PDB file of N, CA and C in Angstrom:
ATOM      1  N   MET A   1      78.462  66.718  86.557  1.00  0.00           N
ATOM      2  CA  MET A   1      78.492  67.984  85.976  1.00  0.00           C
ATOM      3  C   MET A   1      78.901  67.852  84.445  1.00  0.00           C
ATOM      4  N   ASN A   2      78.222  68.826  83.682  1.00  0.00           N
ATOM      5  CA  ASN A   2      78.651  68.777  82.267  1.00  0.00           C
ATOM      6  C   ASN A   2      79.933  69.522  82.082  1.00  0.00           C
ATOM      7  N   THR A   3      80.551  69.404  80.885  1.00  0.00           N
ATOM      8  CA  THR A   3      81.851  69.967  80.655  1.00  0.00           C
ATOM      9  C   THR A   3      81.813  71.468  80.566  1.00  0.00           C
ATOM     10  N   ARG A   4      80.616  72.064  80.184  1.00  0.00           N
ATOM     11  CA  ARG A   4      80.454  73.579  80.050  1.00  0.00           C
ATOM     12  C   ARG A   4      80.743  74.204  81.422  1.00  0.00           C
ATOM     13  N   ILE A   5      80.114  73.497  82.471  1.00  0.00           N
ATOM     14  CA  ILE A   5      80.193  74.011  83.924  1.00  0.00           C
ATOM     15  C   ILE A   5      81.714  73.795  84.291  1.00  0.00           C
ATOM     16  N   LYS A   6      82.079  72.739  84.084  1.00  0.00           N
ATOM     17  CA  LYS A   6      83.663  72.458  84.556  1.00  0.00           C
ATOM     18  C   LYS A   6      84.571  73.454  83.914  1.00  0.00           C
ATOM     19  N   ALA A   7      84.505  73.818  82.629  1.00  0.00           N
ATOM     20  CA  ALA A   7      85.278  74.662  82.004  1.00  0.00           C
ATOM     21  C   ALA A   7      85.109  76.086  82.401  1.00  0.00           C
ATOM     22  N   LEU A   8      83.740  76.353  82.903  1.00  0.00           N
ATOM     23  CA  LEU A   8      83.435  77.696  83.436  1.00  0.00           C
ATOM     24  C   LEU A   8      83.999  77.890  84.791  1.00  0.00           C
ATOM     25  N   LEU A   9      83.987  76.950  85.665  1.00  0.00           N
ATOM     26  CA  LEU A   9      84.655  76.879  86.951  1.00  0.00           C
ATOM     27  C   LEU A   9      86.161  76.965  87.077  1.00  0.00           C
ATOM     28  N   ALA A  10      86.748  76.226  86.014  1.00  0.00           N
ATOM     29  CA  ALA A  10      88.169  76.208  85.761  1.00  0.00           C
ATOM     30  C   ALA A  10      88.620  77.665  85.347  1.00  0.00           C
ATOM     31  N   GLY A  11      87.819  78.257  84.474  1.00  0.00           N
ATOM     32  CA  GLY A  11      88.199  79.598  83.959  1.00  0.00           C
ATOM     33  C   GLY A  11      88.207  80.653  85.024  1.00  0.00           C
ATOM     34  N   ILE A  12      87.032  80.505  86.082  1.00  0.00           N
ATOM     35  CA  ILE A  12      87.065  81.469  87.077  1.00  0.00           C
ATOM     36  C   ILE A  12      88.023  81.286  88.138  1.00  0.00           C
ATOM     37  N   GLY A  13      88.485  80.071  88.261  1.00  0.00           N
ATOM     38  CA  GLY A  13      89.666  79.765  89.171  1.00  0.00           C
ATOM     39  C   GLY A  13      90.851  80.328  88.690  1.00  0.00           C
ATOM     40  N   VAL A  14      91.266  80.125  87.334  1.00  0.00           N
ATOM     41  CA  VAL A  14      92.373  80.582  86.696  1.00  0.00           C
ATOM     42  C   VAL A  14      92.401  82.185  86.754  1.00  0.00           C
ATOM     43  N   GLY A  15      91.328  82.730  86.520  1.00  0.00           N
ATOM     44  CA  GLY A  15      91.193  84.156  86.368  1.00  0.00           C
ATOM     45  C   GLY A  15      91.440  84.807  87.916  1.00  0.00           C
ATOM     46  N   ALA A  16      90.906  84.081  88.874  1.00  0.00           N
ATOM     47  CA  ALA A  16      91.223  84.473  90.268  1.00  0.00           C
ATOM     48  C   ALA A  16      92.612  84.536  90.512  1.00  0.00           C
ATOM     49  N   ILE A  17      93.297  83.277  90.251  1.00  0.00           N
ATOM     50  CA  ILE A  17      94.708  83.315  90.518  1.00  0.00           C
ATOM     51  C   ILE A  17      95.446  84.448  89.712  1.00  0.00           C
ATOM     52  N   VAL A  18      95.225  84.567  88.384  1.00  0.00           N
ATOM     53  CA  VAL A  18      95.944  85.570  87.736  1.00  0.00           C
ATOM     54  C   VAL A  18      95.694  86.902  88.232  1.00  0.00           C
ATOM     55  N   GLY A  19      94.449  87.213  88.637  1.00  0.00           N
ATOM     56  CA  GLY A  19      94.103  88.626  89.089  1.00  0.00           C
ATOM     57  C   GLY A  19      94.867  88.767  90.435  1.00  0.00           C
ATOM     58  N   THR A  20      95.003  87.723  91.258  1.00  0.00           N
ATOM     59  CA  THR A  20      95.773  88.035  92.538  1.00  0.00           C
ATOM     60  C   THR A  20      97.241  88.283  92.358  1.00  0.00           C
ATOM     61  N   LEU A  21      97.873  87.582  91.418  1.00  0.00           N
ATOM     62  CA  LEU A  21      99.130  87.726  91.051  1.00  0.00           C
ATOM     63  C   LEU A  21      99.393  89.197  90.561  1.00  0.00           C
ATOM     64  N   VAL A  22      98.571  89.617  89.595  1.00  0.00           N
ATOM     65  CA  VAL A  22      98.668  90.872  89.154  1.00  0.00           C
ATOM     66  C   VAL A  22      98.534  91.959  90.186  1.00  0.00           C
ATOM     67  N   ALA A  23      97.640  91.759  91.033  1.00  0.00           N
ATOM     68  CA  ALA A  23      97.428  92.761  92.202  1.00  0.00           C
ATOM     69  C   ALA A  23      98.551  92.905  93.083  1.00  0.00           C
ATOM     70  N   GLN A  24      99.162  91.748  93.273  1.00  0.00           N
ATOM     71  CA  GLN A  24     100.351  91.739  94.073  1.00  0.00           C
ATOM     72  C   GLN A  24     101.480  92.443  93.515  1.00  0.00           C
ATOM     73  N   GLN A  25     101.712  92.387  92.276  1.00  0.00           N
ATOM     74  CA  GLN A  25     102.794  92.914  91.482  1.00  0.00           C
ATOM     75  C   GLN A  25     102.569  94.433  91.450  1.00  0.00           C
ATOM     76  N   SER A  26     101.358  94.782  91.439  1.00  0.00           N
ATOM     77  CA  SER A  26     100.862  96.224  91.221  1.00  0.00           C
ATOM     78  C   SER A  26     101.156  96.870  92.613  1.00  0.00           C
ATOM     79  N   ILE A  27     100.815  96.282  93.700  1.00  0.00           N
ATOM     80  CA  ILE A  27     101.019  96.834  94.960  1.00  0.00           C
ATOM     81  C   ILE A  27     102.589  97.111  95.260  1.00  0.00           C
ATOM     82  N   GLY A  28     103.329  96.047  94.884  1.00  0.00           N
ATOM     83  CA  GLY A  28     104.706  96.310  95.035  1.00  0.00           C
ATOM     84  C   GLY A  28     105.280  97.508  94.193  1.00  0.00           C
ATOM     85  N   ARG A  29     104.901  97.645  92.944  1.00  0.00           N
ATOM     86  CA  ARG A  29     105.186  98.673  92.121  1.00  0.00           C
ATOM     87  C   ARG A  29     104.915 100.020  92.690  1.00  0.00           C
ATOM     88  N   HIS A  30     103.557 100.255  93.140  1.00  0.00           N
ATOM     89  CA  HIS A  30     103.306 101.475  93.793  1.00  0.00           C
ATOM     90  C   HIS A  30     103.842 101.758  95.083  1.00  0.00           C
ATOM     91  N   ARG A  31     104.285 100.731  95.890  1.00  0.00           N
ATOM     92  CA  ARG A  31     105.003 100.976  97.045  1.00  0.00           C
ATOM     93  C   ARG A  31     106.481 101.510  96.760  1.00  0.00           C
ATOM     94  N   GLU A  32     107.025 100.953  95.769  1.00  0.00           N
ATOM     95  CA  GLU A  32     108.326 101.368  95.280  1.00  0.00           C
ATOM     96  C   GLU A  32     108.214 102.814  94.887  1.00  0.00           C
ATOM     97  N   ALA A  33     107.224 103.213  93.895  1.00  0.00           N
ATOM     98  CA  ALA A  33     106.935 104.479  93.570  1.00  0.00           C
ATOM     99  C   ALA A  33     106.799 105.531  94.503  1.00  0.00           C
ATOM    100  N   LEU A  34     106.307 105.081  95.726  1.00  0.00           N
ATOM    101  CA  LEU A  34     106.081 106.027  96.831  1.00  0.00           C
ATOM    102  C   LEU A  34     107.395 106.814  97.177  1.00  0.00           C
ATOM    103  N   PHE A  35     108.468 106.075  96.980  1.00  0.00           N
ATOM    104  CA  PHE A  35     109.815 106.722  97.415  1.00  0.00           C
ATOM    105  C   PHE A  35     110.513 107.188  96.171  1.00  0.00           C
ATOM    106  N   SER A  36     109.882 107.365  95.156  1.00  0.00           N
ATOM    107  CA  SER A  36     110.455 107.707  93.916  1.00  0.00           C
ATOM    108  C   SER A  36     111.075 109.171  94.009  1.00  0.00           C
ATOM    109  N   ALA A  37     112.049 109.613  93.143  1.00  0.00           N
ATOM    110  CA  ALA A  37     112.482 110.886  92.971  1.00  0.00           C
ATOM    111  C   ALA A  37     111.596 111.909  92.396  1.00  0.00           C
ATOM    112  N   ARG A  38     110.669 111.186  91.576  1.00  0.00           N
ATOM    113  CA  ARG A  38     109.600 111.996  90.937  1.00  0.00           C
ATOM    114  C   ARG A  38     108.284 112.337  91.620  1.00  0.00           C
ATOM    115  N   PRO A  39     108.074 113.687  91.898  1.00  0.00           N
ATOM    116  CA  PRO A  39     106.761 114.036  92.665  1.00  0.00           C
ATOM    117  C   PRO A  39     105.561 113.453  92.082  1.00  0.00           C
ATOM    118  N   LEU A  40     105.551 113.349  90.802  1.00  0.00           N
ATOM    119  CA  LEU A  40     104.176 113.031  90.169  1.00  0.00           C
ATOM    120  C   LEU A  40     104.068 111.415  90.292  1.00  0.00           C
ATOM    121  N   ARG A  41     105.082 110.634  90.524  1.00  0.00           N
ATOM    122  CA  ARG A  41     104.921 109.275  90.750  1.00  0.00           C
ATOM    123  C   ARG A  41     104.605 108.996  92.122  1.00  0.00           C
ATOM    124  N   ARG A  42     105.130 109.831  93.011  1.00  0.00           N
ATOM    125  CA  ARG A  42     104.694 109.837  94.430  1.00  0.00           C
ATOM    126  C   ARG A  42     103.181 110.063  94.633  1.00  0.00           C
ATOM    127  N   LEU A  43     102.695 111.151  93.888  1.00  0.00           N
ATOM    128  CA  LEU A  43     101.399 111.511  94.100  1.00  0.00           C
ATOM    129  C   LEU A  43     100.498 110.313  93.703  1.00  0.00           C
ATOM    130  N   SER A  44     100.813 109.782  92.479  1.00  0.00           N
ATOM    131  CA  SER A  44     100.110 108.672  91.913  1.00  0.00           C
ATOM    132  C   SER A  44     100.073 107.399  92.882  1.00  0.00           C
ATOM    133  N   ALA A  45     101.366 107.334  93.509  1.00  0.00           N
ATOM    134  CA  ALA A  45     101.284 106.178  94.335  1.00  0.00           C
ATOM    135  C   ALA A  45     100.507 106.298  95.682  1.00  0.00           C
ATOM    136  N   LEU A  46     100.452 107.590  96.203  1.00  0.00           N
ATOM    137  CA  LEU A  46      99.580 107.911  97.204  1.00  0.00           C
ATOM    138  C   LEU A  46      98.122 107.586  96.881  1.00  0.00           C
ATOM    139  N   GLY A  47      97.796 107.948  95.706  1.00  0.00           N
ATOM    140  CA  GLY A  47      96.404 107.642  95.209  1.00  0.00           C
ATOM    141  C   GLY A  47      96.068 106.203  95.358  1.00  0.00           C
ATOM    142  N   TYR A  48      96.897 105.445  94.871  1.00  0.00           N
ATOM    143  CA  TYR A  48      96.806 104.030  94.825  1.00  0.00           C
ATOM    144  C   TYR A  48      96.684 103.445  96.307  1.00  0.00           C
ATOM    145  N   VAL A  49      97.697 103.825  97.189  1.00  0.00           N
ATOM    146  CA  VAL A  49      97.899 103.410  98.382  1.00  0.00           C
ATOM    147  C   VAL A  49      96.679 103.792  99.204  1.00  0.00           C
ATOM    148  N   SER A  50      95.898 104.958  98.906  1.00  0.00           N
ATOM    149  CA  SER A  50      94.808 105.351  99.756  1.00  0.00           C
ATOM    150  C   SER A  50      93.573 104.385  99.533  1.00  0.00           C
ATOM    151  N   ARG A  51      93.661 103.574  98.498  1.00  0.00           N
ATOM    152  CA  ARG A  51      92.649 102.748  98.408  1.00  0.00           C
ATOM    153  C   ARG A  51      92.873 101.226  98.966  1.00  0.00           C
ATOM    154  N   VAL A  52      94.077 101.115  99.644  1.00  0.00           N
ATOM    155  CA  VAL A  52      94.370  99.800 100.033  1.00  0.00           C
ATOM    156  C   VAL A  52      94.590  99.994 101.632  1.00  0.00           C
ATOM    157  N   PRO A  53      93.529 100.179 102.388  1.00  0.00           N
ATOM    158  CA  PRO A  53      93.751 100.400 103.803  1.00  0.00           C
ATOM    159  C   PRO A  53      94.132  99.018 104.620  1.00  0.00           C
ATOM    160  N   SER A  54      95.237  99.110 105.212  1.00  0.00           N
ATOM    161  CA  SER A  54      95.822  98.048 106.092  1.00  0.00           C
ATOM    162  C   SER A  54      96.681  98.423 107.194  1.00  0.00           C
ATOM    163  N   VAL A  55      97.008  97.706 108.190  1.00  0.00           N
ATOM    164  CA  VAL A  55      98.019  98.007 109.169  1.00  0.00           C
ATOM    165  C   VAL A  55      99.325  98.330 108.391  1.00  0.00           C
ATOM    166  N   GLU A  56      99.659  97.502 107.433  1.00  0.00           N
ATOM    167  CA  GLU A  56     101.055  97.550 106.751  1.00  0.00           C
ATOM    168  C   GLU A  56     101.125  99.002 105.998  1.00  0.00           C
ATOM    169  N   THR A  57     100.065  99.328 105.389  1.00  0.00           N
ATOM    170  CA  THR A  57      99.839 100.600 104.718  1.00  0.00           C
ATOM    171  C   THR A  57     100.021 101.794 105.693  1.00  0.00           C
ATOM    172  N   VAL A  58      99.495 101.557 106.829  1.00  0.00           N
ATOM    173  CA  VAL A  58      99.614 102.745 107.798  1.00  0.00           C
ATOM    174  C   VAL A  58     101.090 102.804 108.210  1.00  0.00           C
ATOM    175  N   ARG A  59     101.772 101.687 108.441  1.00  0.00           N
ATOM    176  CA  ARG A  59     103.324 101.801 108.678  1.00  0.00           C
ATOM    177  C   ARG A  59     104.124 102.365 107.549  1.00  0.00           C
ATOM    178  N   LEU A  60     103.659 102.002 106.329  1.00  0.00           N
ATOM    179  CA  LEU A  60     104.270 102.441 105.153  1.00  0.00           C
ATOM    180  C   LEU A  60     104.100 103.966 104.970  1.00  0.00           C
ATOM    181  N   LEU A  61     102.963 104.501 105.399  1.00  0.00           N
ATOM    182  CA  LEU A  61     102.723 106.025 105.418  1.00  0.00           C
ATOM    183  C   LEU A  61     103.348 106.724 106.382  1.00  0.00           C
ATOM    184  N   HIS A  62     103.571 106.149 107.518  1.00  0.00           N
ATOM    185  CA  HIS A  62     104.378 106.829 108.594  1.00  0.00           C
ATOM    186  C   HIS A  62     105.838 106.956 108.107  1.00  0.00           C
ATOM    187  N   ASP A  63     106.346 105.958 107.510  1.00  0.00           N
ATOM    188  CA  ASP A  63     107.764 105.956 107.016  1.00  0.00           C
ATOM    189  C   ASP A  63     107.844 107.056 105.894  1.00  0.00           C
ATOM    190  N   TYR A  64     106.776 106.952 105.127  1.00  0.00           N
ATOM    191  CA  TYR A  64     106.789 108.020 103.952  1.00  0.00           C
ATOM    192  C   TYR A  64     106.758 109.479 104.449  1.00  0.00           C
ATOM    193  N   LEU A  65     105.982 109.689 105.594  1.00  0.00           N
ATOM    194  CA  LEU A  65     105.850 110.974 106.089  1.00  0.00           C
ATOM    195  C   LEU A  65     107.220 111.541 106.708  1.00  0.00           C
ATOM    196  N   THR A  66     107.954 110.524 107.297  1.00  0.00           N
ATOM    197  CA  THR A  66     109.355 110.917 107.843  1.00  0.00           C
ATOM    198  C   THR A  66     110.196 111.257 106.721  1.00  0.00           C
ATOM    199  N   TRP A  67     110.068 110.483 105.369  1.00  0.00           N
ATOM    200  CA  TRP A  67     110.899 110.869 104.403  1.00  0.00           C
ATOM    201  C   TRP A  67     110.644 112.004 103.363  1.00  0.00           C
ATOM    202  N   GLU A  68     109.268 112.271 103.152  1.00  0.00           N
ATOM    203  CA  GLU A  68     108.824 113.278 102.342  1.00  0.00           C
ATOM    204  C   GLU A  68     109.138 114.756 102.745  1.00  0.00           C
ATOM    205  N   ARG A  69     109.557 115.506 101.764  1.00  0.00           N
ATOM    206  CA  ARG A  69     109.875 116.913 102.138  1.00  0.00           C
ATOM    207  C   ARG A  69     108.891 117.781 101.430  1.00  0.00           C
ATOM    208  N   HIS A  70     108.169 117.361 100.350  1.00  0.00           N
ATOM    209  CA  HIS A  70     107.264 118.228  99.569  1.00  0.00           C
ATOM    210  C   HIS A  70     106.078 118.522 100.395  1.00  0.00           C
ATOM    211  N   PRO A  71     105.686 119.779 100.654  1.00  0.00           N
ATOM    212  CA  PRO A  71     104.672 120.082 101.503  1.00  0.00           C
ATOM    213  C   PRO A  71     103.188 119.655 101.093  1.00  0.00           C
ATOM    214  N   MET A  72     102.982 119.709  99.752  1.00  0.00           N
ATOM    215  CA  MET A  72     101.542 119.241  99.229  1.00  0.00           C
ATOM    216  C   MET A  72     101.506 117.627  99.416  1.00  0.00           C
ATOM    217  N   LEU A  73     102.672 117.027  99.172  1.00  0.00           N
ATOM    218  CA  LEU A  73     102.555 115.479  99.288  1.00  0.00           C
ATOM    219  C   LEU A  73     102.514 115.035 100.774  1.00  0.00           C
ATOM    220  N   ARG A  74     103.091 115.848 101.467  1.00  0.00           N
ATOM    221  CA  ARG A  74     102.977 115.568 102.942  1.00  0.00           C
ATOM    222  C   ARG A  74     101.565 115.648 103.498  1.00  0.00           C
ATOM    223  N   ARG A  75     100.858 116.825 103.174  1.00  0.00           N
ATOM    224  CA  ARG A  75      99.506 117.027 103.506  1.00  0.00           C
ATOM    225  C   ARG A  75      98.718 116.033 102.951  1.00  0.00           C
ATOM    226  N   ARG A  76      98.790 115.549 101.734  1.00  0.00           N
ATOM    227  CA  ARG A  76      97.964 114.482 101.095  1.00  0.00           C
ATOM    228  C   ARG A  76      98.298 113.192 101.859  1.00  0.00           C
ATOM    229  N   ALA A  77      99.502 112.882 102.161  1.00  0.00           N
ATOM    230  CA  ALA A  77      99.767 111.526 102.927  1.00  0.00           C
ATOM    231  C   ALA A  77      99.222 111.687 104.489  1.00  0.00           C
ATOM    232  N   GLU A  78      99.154 112.940 104.916  1.00  0.00           N
ATOM    233  CA  GLU A  78      98.641 113.002 106.336  1.00  0.00           C
ATOM    234  C   GLU A  78      97.148 112.710 106.447  1.00  0.00           C
ATOM    235  N   ARG A  79      96.432 113.379 105.260  1.00  0.00           N
ATOM    236  CA  ARG A  79      94.954 113.090 105.216  1.00  0.00           C
ATOM    237  C   ARG A  79      94.623 111.627 105.033  1.00  0.00           C
ATOM    238  N   ILE A  80      95.382 111.023 104.131  1.00  0.00           N
ATOM    239  CA  ILE A  80      95.280 109.591 103.867  1.00  0.00           C
ATOM    240  C   ILE A  80      95.449 108.692 105.213  1.00  0.00           C
ATOM    241  N   LEU A  81      96.509 108.976 105.889  1.00  0.00           N
ATOM    242  CA  LEU A  81      96.786 108.389 107.081  1.00  0.00           C
ATOM    243  C   LEU A  81      95.753 108.494 107.995  1.00  0.00           C
ATOM    244  N   ARG A  82      95.262 109.763 108.332  1.00  0.00           N
ATOM    245  CA  ARG A  82      94.267 109.906 109.369  1.00  0.00           C
ATOM    246  C   ARG A  82      92.951 109.189 108.998  1.00  0.00           C
ATOM    247  N   ARG A  83      92.595 109.100 107.681  1.00  0.00           N
ATOM    248  CA  ARG A  83      91.386 108.453 107.384  1.00  0.00           C
ATOM    249  C   ARG A  83      91.646 106.869 107.490  1.00  0.00           C
ATOM    250  N   MET A  84      92.796 106.452 107.329  1.00  0.00           N
ATOM    251  CA  MET A  84      92.977 105.038 107.430  1.00  0.00           C
ATOM    252  C   MET A  84      93.045 104.604 108.824  1.00  0.00           C
ATOM    253  N   GLU A  85      93.603 105.366 109.648  1.00  0.00           N
ATOM    254  CA  GLU A  85      93.769 104.993 111.149  1.00  0.00           C
ATOM    255  C   GLU A  85      92.389 105.203 111.636  1.00  0.00           C
ATOM    256  N   ALA A  86      91.488 106.192 111.227  1.00  0.00           N
ATOM    257  CA  ALA A  86      90.221 106.109 111.688  1.00  0.00           C
ATOM    258  C   ALA A  86      89.269 104.787 111.271  1.00  0.00           C
ATOM    259  N   LYS A  87      89.550 104.536 110.019  1.00  0.00           N
ATOM    260  CA  LYS A  87      88.822 103.330 109.373  1.00  0.00           C
ATOM    261  C   LYS A  87      89.087 102.053 110.227  1.00  0.00           C
ATOM    262  N   LEU A  88      90.620 101.881 110.473  1.00  0.00           N
ATOM    263  CA  LEU A  88      91.010 100.663 110.936  1.00  0.00           C
ATOM    264  C   LEU A  88      90.817 100.561 112.428  1.00  0.00           C
ATOM    265  N   GLY A  89      90.531 101.908 113.117  1.00  0.00           N
ATOM    266  CA  GLY A  89      90.235 101.740 114.548  1.00  0.00           C
ATOM    267  C   GLY A  89      91.499 102.100 115.291  1.00  0.00           C
TER     268      GLY A  89
END
């Protein structure tokens, strides 16, 4: 293999690792924001969580619905939860 190909493959590998680490940190931040005292942060976190369907996210949304008192945010979370449950089976 020539050195350009090796450098390209190494760059792709490093990029994938860095991307994975950043995504994990982002997921953690948004999950914490879901239980924030600020409604706008919670709405933003719901938007993010809606794009990450998993069994763990479904459990998190169940906990969130038990906790959330704001009607608009509850309705949004219920819609997201129904969609995820249908998608995951």
